[in-house]
């Protein structure tokens, strides 16, 4: 069956699926749709947050990932060389955001520098920190995609959680990508206080963008020291239900986990129709804790490459799945 839900029907599906018996049926339908539209194959990517300083003030109420300083380019290149030697083929340039001055020239300079030294495909996630002309130049440089993470598309929730940010500019960046024929990604952070209807409206807003190849869904995490530290952690059940309904609405789109989720979220995410990208390798400035199935490499200063693929592969093995370094055909052109 090819699903073509209205907003009213999608809302009813979401609300009915809070009954586990209905959820089992929904998960089966969503998984079958994923297998038919995108296949069961999972693929590895890599990335790093906090490569650029974040100038959003006041800070987002839930964010603990911002940095005040630029990541050293020489250390980043060391990390990318190592990541490429591990067989991974794609890297996310991520964080932070500058709404006033933008990151047009620094971003283009960094992309050119990486392209001269590395064969990694690149995805960009700096929020609405650059102009329409920069989107076109990034396309000319051969980047994989540009991300505009709305987090929440409900203005009242966005304003409370992200008082220094700009929802309309984030929406506009998705339009820029559409006009420029550039693949785009977005992120949905559930558990900020949005209603079921607002969650469904968010999915249908994204449905208009034919170049949207991936939606990342994160469940809210109350990080210590943030304004939202006393709010409840979002349930993994909500992540699964939203993933399943997103699969029915955005049938050709990858529905992937984002920051705020962990390795233990993977089985329920996949069962609910999630797929297909997994973050296996990352660059971090936080000293990693030793863990089985995790390899850590020091790349200079306070920076490390962390490879969690072994541990995730062990989990996937129990599910009869495996992941590959090969990126999807639509991003290989």
C-alpha atoms as a PDB file:
ATOM      1  CA  UNK A   1       0.000   0.000   0.000  1.00  0.00           C
ATOM      2  CA  UNK A   2       1.260   3.499  -0.893  1.00  0.00           C
ATOM      3  CA  UNK A   3       0.339   5.850   1.917  1.00  0.00           C
ATOM      4  CA  UNK A   4      -0.952   9.321   1.057  1.00  0.00           C
ATOM      5  CA  UNK A   5      -2.162  10.648   4.376  1.00  0.00           C
ATOM      6  CA  UNK A   6      -3.861  13.958   5.053  1.00  0.00           C
ATOM      7  CA  UNK A   7      -2.788  15.935   8.123  1.00  0.00           C
ATOM      8  CA  UNK A   8      -5.934  14.804   9.940  1.00  0.00           C
ATOM      9  CA  UNK A   9      -5.242  11.155   9.149  1.00  0.00           C
ATOM     10  CA  UNK A  10      -1.578  11.418  10.156  1.00  0.00           C
ATOM     11  CA  UNK A  11      -2.555  12.973  13.481  1.00  0.00           C
ATOM     12  CA  UNK A  12      -5.031  10.163  14.089  1.00  0.00           C
ATOM     13  CA  UNK A  13      -2.361   7.562  13.274  1.00  0.00           C
ATOM     14  CA  UNK A  14       0.074   9.161  15.730  1.00  0.00           C
ATOM     15  CA  UNK A  15      -2.429   9.385  18.540  1.00  0.00           C
ATOM     16  CA  UNK A  16      -3.834   5.879  18.008  1.00  0.00           C
ATOM     17  CA  UNK A  17      -0.322   4.415  17.994  1.00  0.00           C
ATOM     18  CA  UNK A  18       0.173   5.314  21.651  1.00  0.00           C
ATOM     19  CA  UNK A  19      -1.708   2.061  22.147  1.00  0.00           C
ATOM     20  CA  UNK A  20       1.079  -0.531  21.725  1.00  0.00           C
ATOM     21  CA  UNK A  21      -1.121  -2.905  19.701  1.00  0.00           C
ATOM     22  CA  UNK A  22      -1.744  -0.165  17.117  1.00  0.00           C
ATOM     23  CA  UNK A  23       1.931   0.836  17.259  1.00  0.00           C
ATOM     24  CA  UNK A  24       3.059  -2.685  16.295  1.00  0.00           C
ATOM     25  CA  UNK A  25       0.945  -2.461  13.150  1.00  0.00           C
ATOM     26  CA  UNK A  26       2.228   1.026  12.380  1.00  0.00           C
ATOM     27  CA  UNK A  27       5.861  -0.034  12.830  1.00  0.00           C
ATOM     28  CA  UNK A  28       5.373  -2.993  10.482  1.00  0.00           C
ATOM     29  CA  UNK A  29       3.837  -0.765   7.813  1.00  0.00           C
ATOM     30  CA  UNK A  30       6.528   1.898   8.199  1.00  0.00           C
ATOM     31  CA  UNK A  31       9.346  -0.673   8.042  1.00  0.00           C
ATOM     32  CA  UNK A  32       7.880  -2.283   4.928  1.00  0.00           C
ATOM     33  CA  UNK A  33       7.654   1.133   3.304  1.00  0.00           C
ATOM     34  CA  UNK A  34      11.294   1.893   4.205  1.00  0.00           C
ATOM     35  CA  UNK A  35      12.456  -1.435   2.785  1.00  0.00           C
ATOM     36  CA  UNK A  36      10.560  -0.848  -0.447  1.00  0.00           C
ATOM     37  CA  UNK A  37      11.487   2.803  -0.955  1.00  0.00           C
ATOM     38  CA  UNK A  38      15.056   2.941   0.417  1.00  0.00           C
ATOM     39  CA  UNK A  39      16.097  -0.638   1.172  1.00  0.00           C
ATOM     40  CA  UNK A  40      17.346  -2.147   4.413  1.00  0.00           C
ATOM     41  CA  UNK A  41      20.954  -1.096   3.874  1.00  0.00           C
ATOM     42  CA  UNK A  42      22.504   1.130   6.541  1.00  0.00           C
ATOM     43  CA  UNK A  43      25.485   3.352   5.815  1.00  0.00           C
ATOM     44  CA  UNK A  44      28.125   5.103   7.886  1.00  0.00           C
ATOM     45  CA  UNK A  45      28.814   8.780   8.055  1.00  0.00           C
ATOM     46  CA  UNK A  46      31.011  10.944  10.273  1.00  0.00           C
ATOM     47  CA  UNK A  47      30.919  14.458  11.638  1.00  0.00           C
ATOM     48  CA  UNK A  48      31.723  17.023  14.249  1.00  0.00           C
ATOM     49  CA  UNK A  49      29.792  19.716  16.053  1.00  0.00           C
ATOM     50  CA  UNK A  50      31.233  23.006  17.235  1.00  0.00           C
ATOM     51  CA  UNK A  51      33.561  23.640  14.303  1.00  0.00           C
ATOM     52  CA  UNK A  52      32.469  27.297  14.176  1.00  0.00           C
ATOM     53  CA  UNK A  53      31.663  29.565  17.159  1.00  0.00           C
ATOM     54  CA  UNK A  54      27.977  30.101  17.868  1.00  0.00           C
ATOM     55  CA  UNK A  55      26.926  33.741  18.210  1.00  0.00           C
ATOM     56  CA  UNK A  56      23.233  33.087  18.900  1.00  0.00           C
ATOM     57  CA  UNK A  57      22.309  35.146  21.975  1.00  0.00           C
ATOM     58  CA  UNK A  58      20.575  34.380  24.188  1.00  0.00           C
ATOM     59  CA  UNK A  59      21.626  30.743  23.950  1.00  0.00           C
ATOM     60  CA  UNK A  60      19.122  28.089  22.962  1.00  0.00           C
ATOM     61  CA  UNK A  61      17.515  26.808  26.158  1.00  0.00           C
ATOM     62  CA  UNK A  62      18.593  23.182  25.615  1.00  0.00           C
ATOM     63  CA  UNK A  63      22.002  23.563  23.969  1.00  0.00           C
ATOM     64  CA  UNK A  64      25.251  22.389  25.535  1.00  0.00           C
ATOM     65  CA  UNK A  65      27.234  21.998  22.298  1.00  0.00           C
ATOM     66  CA  UNK A  66      28.168  25.594  21.480  1.00  0.00           C
ATOM     67  CA  UNK A  67      31.752  26.807  21.390  1.00  0.00           C
ATOM     68  CA  UNK A  68      33.365  30.219  21.527  1.00  0.00           C
ATOM     69  CA  UNK A  69      36.352  29.400  19.320  1.00  0.00           C
ATOM     70  CA  UNK A  70      36.981  28.141  15.820  1.00  0.00           C
ATOM     71  CA  UNK A  71      38.199  24.579  15.529  1.00  0.00           C
ATOM     72  CA  UNK A  72      41.868  24.635  14.362  1.00  0.00           C
ATOM     73  CA  UNK A  73      41.989  23.834  10.653  1.00  0.00           C
ATOM     74  CA  UNK A  74      45.231  21.845  10.883  1.00  0.00           C
ATOM     75  CA  UNK A  75      43.790  19.608  13.608  1.00  0.00           C
ATOM     76  CA  UNK A  76      40.561  19.178  11.636  1.00  0.00           C
ATOM     77  CA  UNK A  77      42.533  18.110   8.558  1.00  0.00           C
ATOM     78  CA  UNK A  78      44.407  15.567  10.692  1.00  0.00           C
ATOM     79  CA  UNK A  79      41.077  14.191  11.827  1.00  0.00           C
ATOM     80  CA  UNK A  80      39.629  14.062   8.321  1.00  0.00           C
ATOM     81  CA  UNK A  81      42.704  12.239   7.033  1.00  0.00           C
ATOM     82  CA  UNK A  82      42.265   9.657   9.769  1.00  0.00           C
ATOM     83  CA  UNK A  83      38.517   9.319   9.140  1.00  0.00           C
ATOM     84  CA  UNK A  84      39.139   8.772   5.447  1.00  0.00           C
ATOM     85  CA  UNK A  85      41.732   6.096   6.263  1.00  0.00           C
ATOM     86  CA  UNK A  86      39.038   4.310   8.317  1.00  0.00           C
ATOM     87  CA  UNK A  87      36.976   3.923   5.143  1.00  0.00           C
ATOM     88  CA  UNK A  88      34.213   6.427   5.912  1.00  0.00           C
ATOM     89  CA  UNK A  89      33.335   8.552   2.889  1.00  0.00           C
ATOM     90  CA  UNK A  90      31.271  11.432   4.258  1.00  0.00           C
ATOM     91  CA  UNK A  91      31.714  14.116   6.917  1.00  0.00           C
ATOM     92  CA  UNK A  92      29.319  16.679   8.454  1.00  0.00           C
ATOM     93  CA  UNK A  93      30.665  20.193   9.032  1.00  0.00           C
ATOM     94  CA  UNK A  94      28.432  21.242  11.919  1.00  0.00           C
ATOM     95  CA  UNK A  95      27.908  24.181  14.338  1.00  0.00           C
ATOM     96  CA  UNK A  96      27.570  26.969  15.228  1.00  0.00           C
ATOM     97  CA  UNK A  97      25.451  29.764  13.801  1.00  0.00           C
ATOM     98  CA  UNK A  98      26.080  33.459  13.073  1.00  0.00           C
ATOM     99  CA  UNK A  99      22.897  35.278  12.106  1.00  0.00           C
ATOM    100  CA  UNK A 100      24.468  38.740  11.891  1.00  0.00           C
ATOM    101  CA  UNK A 101      27.762  38.534   9.998  1.00  0.00           C
ATOM    102  CA  UNK A 102      27.290  35.045   8.578  1.00  0.00           C
ATOM    103  CA  UNK A 103      29.925  32.433   7.808  1.00  0.00           C
ATOM    104  CA  UNK A 104      29.936  32.799   4.025  1.00  0.00           C
ATOM    105  CA  UNK A 105      33.633  33.370   3.394  1.00  0.00           C
ATOM    106  CA  UNK A 106      35.046  31.295   6.303  1.00  0.00           C
ATOM    107  CA  UNK A 107      32.863  28.344   5.292  1.00  0.00           C
ATOM    108  CA  UNK A 108      33.789  28.534   1.601  1.00  0.00           C
ATOM    109  CA  UNK A 109      37.469  28.811   2.528  1.00  0.00           C
ATOM    110  CA  UNK A 110      37.222  25.763   4.790  1.00  0.00           C
ATOM    111  CA  UNK A 111      35.379  23.700   2.179  1.00  0.00           C
ATOM    112  CA  UNK A 112      37.971  24.569  -0.469  1.00  0.00           C
ATOM    113  CA  UNK A 113      40.792  23.651   1.926  1.00  0.00           C
ATOM    114  CA  UNK A 114      39.201  20.296   2.748  1.00  0.00           C
ATOM    115  CA  UNK A 115      38.469  19.555  -0.904  1.00  0.00           C
ATOM    116  CA  UNK A 116      42.120  20.172  -1.766  1.00  0.00           C
ATOM    117  CA  UNK A 117      43.273  17.645   0.837  1.00  0.00           C
ATOM    118  CA  UNK A 118      40.485  15.084   1.151  1.00  0.00           C
ATOM    119  CA  UNK A 119      38.145  12.958  -0.918  1.00  0.00           C
ATOM    120  CA  UNK A 120      35.442  13.013   1.745  1.00  0.00           C
ATOM    121  CA  UNK A 121      31.979  14.120   0.666  1.00  0.00           C
ATOM    122  CA  UNK A 122      30.781  17.018   2.812  1.00  0.00           C
ATOM    123  CA  UNK A 123      27.497  18.029   4.425  1.00  0.00           C
ATOM    124  CA  UNK A 124      27.045  21.528   5.859  1.00  0.00           C
ATOM    125  CA  UNK A 125      25.122  22.363   9.029  1.00  0.00           C
ATOM    126  CA  UNK A 126      25.678  25.923  10.275  1.00  0.00           C
ATOM    127  CA  UNK A 127      22.074  27.035  10.426  1.00  0.00           C
ATOM    128  CA  UNK A 128      21.114  30.062   8.295  1.00  0.00           C
ATOM    129  CA  UNK A 129      24.639  31.493   8.445  1.00  0.00           C
ATOM    130  CA  UNK A 130      25.061  32.184   4.743  1.00  0.00           C
ATOM    131  CA  UNK A 131      23.413  33.831   1.758  1.00  0.00           C
ATOM    132  CA  UNK A 132      21.654  32.347  -1.248  1.00  0.00           C
ATOM    133  CA  UNK A 133      24.815  33.019  -3.301  1.00  0.00           C
ATOM    134  CA  UNK A 134      26.839  30.874  -0.902  1.00  0.00           C
ATOM    135  CA  UNK A 135      24.380  27.995  -1.363  1.00  0.00           C
ATOM    136  CA  UNK A 136      25.073  28.190  -5.097  1.00  0.00           C
ATOM    137  CA  UNK A 137      28.841  28.286  -4.541  1.00  0.00           C
ATOM    138  CA  UNK A 138      28.678  25.301  -2.193  1.00  0.00           C
ATOM    139  CA  UNK A 139      26.797  23.454  -4.928  1.00  0.00           C
ATOM    140  CA  UNK A 140      29.584  24.322  -7.383  1.00  0.00           C
ATOM    141  CA  UNK A 141      32.119  22.980  -4.885  1.00  0.00           C
ATOM    142  CA  UNK A 142      30.309  19.636  -4.884  1.00  0.00           C
ATOM    143  CA  UNK A 143      29.017  19.443  -1.314  1.00  0.00           C
ATOM    144  CA  UNK A 144      26.552  16.620  -0.554  1.00  0.00           C
ATOM    145  CA  UNK A 145      23.857  18.619   1.191  1.00  0.00           C
ATOM    146  CA  UNK A 146      22.978  21.630   3.320  1.00  0.00           C
ATOM    147  CA  UNK A 147      21.144  21.284   6.616  1.00  0.00           C
ATOM    148  CA  UNK A 148      18.546  23.603   8.056  1.00  0.00           C
ATOM    149  CA  UNK A 149      17.514  22.226  11.438  1.00  0.00           C
ATOM    150  CA  UNK A 150      14.180  23.746  12.360  1.00  0.00           C
ATOM    151  CA  UNK A 151      14.133  21.810  15.650  1.00  0.00           C
ATOM    152  CA  UNK A 152      10.481  22.803  16.066  1.00  0.00           C
ATOM    153  CA  UNK A 153       8.366  24.462  13.386  1.00  0.00           C
ATOM    154  CA  UNK A 154       5.809  25.797  15.878  1.00  0.00           C
ATOM    155  CA  UNK A 155       6.636  29.517  16.379  1.00  0.00           C
ATOM    156  CA  UNK A 156       5.567  29.591  20.054  1.00  0.00           C
ATOM    157  CA  UNK A 157       7.770  26.597  20.961  1.00  0.00           C
ATOM    158  CA  UNK A 158      10.677  27.813  18.840  1.00  0.00           C
ATOM    159  CA  UNK A 159      10.589  31.279  20.423  1.00  0.00           C
ATOM    160  CA  UNK A 160      10.650  29.843  23.939  1.00  0.00           C
ATOM    161  CA  UNK A 161      13.442  27.346  23.254  1.00  0.00           C
ATOM    162  CA  UNK A 162      15.493  29.449  20.805  1.00  0.00           C
ATOM    163  CA  UNK A 163      14.875  33.126  21.689  1.00  0.00           C
ATOM    164  CA  UNK A 164      18.033  34.322  19.928  1.00  0.00           C
ATOM    165  CA  UNK A 165      17.443  32.353  16.715  1.00  0.00           C
ATOM    166  CA  UNK A 166      15.242  32.953  13.672  1.00  0.00           C
ATOM    167  CA  UNK A 167      12.747  30.315  12.503  1.00  0.00           C
ATOM    168  CA  UNK A 168      11.854  32.087   9.267  1.00  0.00           C
ATOM    169  CA  UNK A 169      15.493  32.254   8.177  1.00  0.00           C
ATOM    170  CA  UNK A 170      15.826  28.543   8.812  1.00  0.00           C
ATOM    171  CA  UNK A 171      12.757  27.901   6.681  1.00  0.00           C
ATOM    172  CA  UNK A 172      14.192  30.195   4.019  1.00  0.00           C
ATOM    173  CA  UNK A 173      17.404  28.178   3.842  1.00  0.00           C
ATOM    174  CA  UNK A 174      15.366  25.105   2.876  1.00  0.00           C
ATOM    175  CA  UNK A 175      13.781  27.200   0.122  1.00  0.00           C
ATOM    176  CA  UNK A 176      17.214  28.342  -1.072  1.00  0.00           C
ATOM    177  CA  UNK A 177      18.301  24.712  -1.390  1.00  0.00           C
ATOM    178  CA  UNK A 178      15.115  23.836  -3.269  1.00  0.00           C
ATOM    179  CA  UNK A 179      15.626  26.688  -5.724  1.00  0.00           C
ATOM    180  CA  UNK A 180      19.312  25.814  -6.196  1.00  0.00           C
ATOM    181  CA  UNK A 181      18.568  22.091  -6.698  1.00  0.00           C
ATOM    182  CA  UNK A 182      20.791  21.196  -3.714  1.00  0.00           C
ATOM    183  CA  UNK A 183      19.979  18.201  -1.469  1.00  0.00           C
ATOM    184  CA  UNK A 184      18.878  19.345   1.971  1.00  0.00           C
ATOM    185  CA  UNK A 185      18.548  17.892   5.451  1.00  0.00           C
ATOM    186  CA  UNK A 186      16.590  19.012   8.466  1.00  0.00           C
ATOM    187  CA  UNK A 187      16.307  18.094  12.137  1.00  0.00           C
ATOM    188  CA  UNK A 188      13.276  17.718  14.376  1.00  0.00           C
ATOM    189  CA  UNK A 189      13.744  17.901  18.143  1.00  0.00           C
ATOM    190  CA  UNK A 190      10.782  16.284  19.856  1.00  0.00           C
ATOM    191  CA  UNK A 191       9.808  16.837  23.465  1.00  0.00           C
ATOM    192  CA  UNK A 192      10.250  20.634  23.591  1.00  0.00           C
ATOM    193  CA  UNK A 193       6.584  21.108  24.436  1.00  0.00           C
ATOM    194  CA  UNK A 194       5.031  20.838  20.982  1.00  0.00           C
ATOM    195  CA  UNK A 195       1.574  19.316  20.577  1.00  0.00           C
ATOM    196  CA  UNK A 196       0.856  16.271  18.431  1.00  0.00           C
ATOM    197  CA  UNK A 197      -0.768  18.546  15.860  1.00  0.00           C
ATOM    198  CA  UNK A 198       2.295  20.810  15.741  1.00  0.00           C
ATOM    199  CA  UNK A 199       4.489  17.760  15.228  1.00  0.00           C
ATOM    200  CA  UNK A 200       2.330  16.638  12.291  1.00  0.00           C
ATOM    201  CA  UNK A 201       2.247  20.172  10.850  1.00  0.00           C
ATOM    202  CA  UNK A 202       6.058  20.158  10.991  1.00  0.00           C
ATOM    203  CA  UNK A 203       6.240  16.948   8.938  1.00  0.00           C
ATOM    204  CA  UNK A 204       3.834  18.280   6.326  1.00  0.00           C
ATOM    205  CA  UNK A 205       5.760  21.554   6.089  1.00  0.00           C
ATOM    206  CA  UNK A 206       8.867  19.509   5.233  1.00  0.00           C
ATOM    207  CA  UNK A 207       6.950  17.409   2.699  1.00  0.00           C
ATOM    208  CA  UNK A 208       6.881  20.322   0.238  1.00  0.00           C
ATOM    209  CA  UNK A 209      10.676  20.180  -0.202  1.00  0.00           C
ATOM    210  CA  UNK A 210      11.467  17.663  -2.914  1.00  0.00           C
ATOM    211  CA  UNK A 211      15.230  18.080  -2.362  1.00  0.00           C
ATOM    212  CA  UNK A 212      14.939  17.064   1.310  1.00  0.00           C
ATOM    213  CA  UNK A 213      16.790  13.765   1.366  1.00  0.00           C
ATOM    214  CA  UNK A 214      17.070  13.313   5.121  1.00  0.00           C
ATOM    215  CA  UNK A 215      15.214  14.218   8.303  1.00  0.00           C
ATOM    216  CA  UNK A 216      17.056  13.698  11.575  1.00  0.00           C
ATOM    217  CA  UNK A 217      14.901  13.218  14.670  1.00  0.00           C
ATOM    218  CA  UNK A 218      16.223  13.810  18.160  1.00  0.00           C
ATOM    219  CA  UNK A 219      14.547  13.265  21.510  1.00  0.00           C
ATOM    220  CA  UNK A 220      14.997  16.096  23.954  1.00  0.00           C
ATOM    221  CA  UNK A 221      17.782  15.670  26.505  1.00  0.00           C
ATOM    222  CA  UNK A 222      17.876  17.982  29.563  1.00  0.00           C
ATOM    223  CA  UNK A 223      21.593  18.755  29.680  1.00  0.00           C
ATOM    224  CA  UNK A 224      22.962  20.064  33.004  1.00  0.00           C
ATOM    225  CA  UNK A 225      23.632  23.790  33.055  1.00  0.00           C
ATOM    226  CA  UNK A 226      21.053  24.656  30.380  1.00  0.00           C
ATOM    227  CA  UNK A 227      17.828  26.596  30.877  1.00  0.00           C
ATOM    228  CA  UNK A 228      15.838  23.431  30.147  1.00  0.00           C
ATOM    229  CA  UNK A 229      17.817  21.215  32.512  1.00  0.00           C
ATOM    230  CA  UNK A 230      14.759  20.555  34.714  1.00  0.00           C
ATOM    231  CA  UNK A 231      12.457  19.458  31.889  1.00  0.00           C
ATOM    232  CA  UNK A 232      11.643  15.781  31.371  1.00  0.00           C
ATOM    233  CA  UNK A 233      13.693  13.667  28.991  1.00  0.00           C
ATOM    234  CA  UNK A 234      11.690  12.793  25.859  1.00  0.00           C
ATOM    235  CA  UNK A 235      10.548   9.163  25.801  1.00  0.00           C
ATOM    236  CA  UNK A 236      12.067   6.751  23.243  1.00  0.00           C
ATOM    237  CA  UNK A 237       8.476   5.720  22.522  1.00  0.00           C
ATOM    238  CA  UNK A 238       7.754   9.237  21.249  1.00  0.00           C
ATOM    239  CA  UNK A 239      10.861   9.024  19.049  1.00  0.00           C
ATOM    240  CA  UNK A 240       9.646   5.738  17.577  1.00  0.00           C
ATOM    241  CA  UNK A 241       6.073   6.922  16.977  1.00  0.00           C
ATOM    242  CA  UNK A 242       7.277  10.131  15.318  1.00  0.00           C
ATOM    243  CA  UNK A 243       9.750   8.175  13.191  1.00  0.00           C
ATOM    244  CA  UNK A 244       7.013   5.836  11.984  1.00  0.00           C
ATOM    245  CA  UNK A 245       4.592   8.620  11.075  1.00  0.00           C
ATOM    246  CA  UNK A 246       7.428  10.563   9.425  1.00  0.00           C
ATOM    247  CA  UNK A 247       8.113   7.506   7.286  1.00  0.00           C
ATOM    248  CA  UNK A 248       4.501   7.477   6.071  1.00  0.00           C
ATOM    249  CA  UNK A 249       4.548  11.208   5.308  1.00  0.00           C
ATOM    250  CA  UNK A 250       8.105  11.516   3.881  1.00  0.00           C
ATOM    251  CA  UNK A 251       8.301   8.248   2.023  1.00  0.00           C
ATOM    252  CA  UNK A 252      11.451   8.867  -0.027  1.00  0.00           C
ATOM    253  CA  UNK A 253      13.344  10.535   2.810  1.00  0.00           C
ATOM    254  CA  UNK A 254      15.906   9.021   5.141  1.00  0.00           C
ATOM    255  CA  UNK A 255      14.657   9.275   8.748  1.00  0.00           C
ATOM    256  CA  UNK A 256      17.753   9.214  10.936  1.00  0.00           C
ATOM    257  CA  UNK A 257      18.697   9.611  14.598  1.00  0.00           C
ATOM    258  CA  UNK A 258      20.342  12.860  15.705  1.00  0.00           C
ATOM    259  CA  UNK A 259      22.161  14.226  18.764  1.00  0.00           C
ATOM    260  CA  UNK A 260      20.214  13.451  21.915  1.00  0.00           C
ATOM    261  CA  UNK A 261      19.773   9.831  20.910  1.00  0.00           C
ATOM    262  CA  UNK A 262      22.133   7.009  21.786  1.00  0.00           C
ATOM    263  CA  UNK A 263      23.177   3.623  20.472  1.00  0.00           C
ATOM    264  CA  UNK A 264      20.410   1.965  22.486  1.00  0.00           C
ATOM    265  CA  UNK A 265      17.823   3.950  20.509  1.00  0.00           C
ATOM    266  CA  UNK A 266      18.822   2.265  17.224  1.00  0.00           C
ATOM    267  CA  UNK A 267      16.715  -0.939  17.463  1.00  0.00           C
ATOM    268  CA  UNK A 268      13.417   0.852  18.160  1.00  0.00           C
ATOM    269  CA  UNK A 269      14.231   3.542  15.572  1.00  0.00           C
ATOM    270  CA  UNK A 270      14.844   0.875  12.913  1.00  0.00           C
ATOM    271  CA  UNK A 271      11.789  -1.150  13.934  1.00  0.00           C
ATOM    272  CA  UNK A 272       9.682   1.995  13.485  1.00  0.00           C
ATOM    273  CA  UNK A 273      10.786   2.459   9.864  1.00  0.00           C
ATOM    274  CA  UNK A 274      13.935   4.516  10.444  1.00  0.00           C
ATOM    275  CA  UNK A 275      16.833   4.439   8.021  1.00  0.00           C
ATOM    276  CA  UNK A 276      19.371   4.587   6.645  1.00  0.00           C
ATOM    277  CA  UNK A 277      22.362   6.725   7.732  1.00  0.00           C
ATOM    278  CA  UNK A 278      24.213   6.071  10.991  1.00  0.00           C
ATOM    279  CA  UNK A 279      26.838   8.309  12.578  1.00  0.00           C
ATOM    280  CA  UNK A 280      29.735   5.978  13.317  1.00  0.00           C
ATOM    281  CA  UNK A 281      32.772   8.267  13.643  1.00  0.00           C
ATOM    282  CA  UNK A 282      33.013  11.743  15.152  1.00  0.00           C
ATOM    283  CA  UNK A 283      35.506  14.427  16.091  1.00  0.00           C
ATOM    284  CA  UNK A 284      35.185  15.758  19.626  1.00  0.00           C
ATOM    285  CA  UNK A 285      36.945  18.146  21.992  1.00  0.00           C
ATOM    286  CA  UNK A 286      35.660  16.269  25.040  1.00  0.00           C
ATOM    287  CA  UNK A 287      38.011  13.603  26.377  1.00  0.00           C
ATOM    288  CA  UNK A 288      36.243  10.332  25.461  1.00  0.00           C
ATOM    289  CA  UNK A 289      35.560   7.699  28.099  1.00  0.00           C
ATOM    290  CA  UNK A 290      36.969   4.249  27.228  1.00  0.00           C
ATOM    291  CA  UNK A 291      34.231   1.842  26.186  1.00  0.00           C
ATOM    292  CA  UNK A 292      34.110  -1.622  24.579  1.00  0.00           C
ATOM    293  CA  UNK A 293      33.719  -1.378  20.823  1.00  0.00           C
ATOM    294  CA  UNK A 294      35.011   2.208  20.698  1.00  0.00           C
ATOM    295  CA  UNK A 295      38.358   3.267  19.252  1.00  0.00           C
ATOM    296  CA  UNK A 296      39.810   6.655  20.196  1.00  0.00           C
ATOM    297  CA  UNK A 297      42.545   8.537  18.317  1.00  0.00           C
ATOM    298  CA  UNK A 298      44.197  11.761  19.486  1.00  0.00           C
ATOM    299  CA  UNK A 299      44.552  14.174  16.549  1.00  0.00           C
ATOM    300  CA  UNK A 300      46.109  17.215  18.254  1.00  0.00           C
ATOM    301  CA  UNK A 301      45.405  19.702  21.033  1.00  0.00           C
ATOM    302  CA  UNK A 302      42.279  18.689  22.925  1.00  0.00           C
ATOM    303  CA  UNK A 303      40.695  16.932  19.929  1.00  0.00           C
ATOM    304  CA  UNK A 304      39.989  13.260  19.286  1.00  0.00           C
ATOM    305  CA  UNK A 305      38.464  11.040  16.636  1.00  0.00           C
ATOM    306  CA  UNK A 306      36.026   8.566  18.197  1.00  0.00           C
ATOM    307  CA  UNK A 307      35.031   5.478  16.188  1.00  0.00           C
ATOM    308  CA  UNK A 308      31.974   3.729  17.665  1.00  0.00           C
ATOM    309  CA  UNK A 309      31.272   1.484  14.697  1.00  0.00           C
ATOM    310  CA  UNK A 310      32.459  -1.737  16.324  1.00  0.00           C
ATOM    311  CA  UNK A 311      30.015  -1.407  19.186  1.00  0.00           C
ATOM    312  CA  UNK A 312      27.162  -0.418  16.882  1.00  0.00           C
ATOM    313  CA  UNK A 313      27.993  -3.292  14.519  1.00  0.00           C
ATOM    314  CA  UNK A 314      27.666  -5.707  17.440  1.00  0.00           C
ATOM    315  CA  UNK A 315      24.175  -4.344  18.061  1.00  0.00           C
ATOM    316  CA  UNK A 316      23.287  -4.539  14.359  1.00  0.00           C
ATOM    317  CA  UNK A 317      24.541  -8.123  14.193  1.00  0.00           C
ATOM    318  CA  UNK A 318      21.902  -9.116  16.721  1.00  0.00           C
ATOM    319  CA  UNK A 319      19.294  -7.573  14.420  1.00  0.00           C
ATOM    320  CA  UNK A 320      20.568  -9.369  11.317  1.00  0.00           C
ATOM    321  CA  UNK A 321      21.768  -6.073   9.828  1.00  0.00           C
ATOM    322  CA  UNK A 322      25.021  -4.592   8.668  1.00  0.00           C
ATOM    323  CA  UNK A 323      26.249  -1.145   7.660  1.00  0.00           C
ATOM    324  CA  UNK A 324      28.438  -0.104   4.761  1.00  0.00           C
ATOM    325  CA  UNK A 325      30.651   2.887   3.984  1.00  0.00           C
ATOM    326  CA  UNK A 326      29.002   3.247   0.563  1.00  0.00           C
ATOM    327  CA  UNK A 327      26.888   6.406   0.370  1.00  0.00           C
ATOM    328  CA  UNK A 328      23.501   6.461  -1.413  1.00  0.00           C
ATOM    329  CA  UNK A 329      23.306   6.892  -5.159  1.00  0.00           C
ATOM    330  CA  UNK A 330      21.567  10.288  -4.988  1.00  0.00           C
ATOM    331  CA  UNK A 331      24.612  11.725  -3.169  1.00  0.00           C
ATOM    332  CA  UNK A 332      27.246  10.131  -5.408  1.00  0.00           C
ATOM    333  CA  UNK A 333      26.542  12.290  -8.449  1.00  0.00           C
END
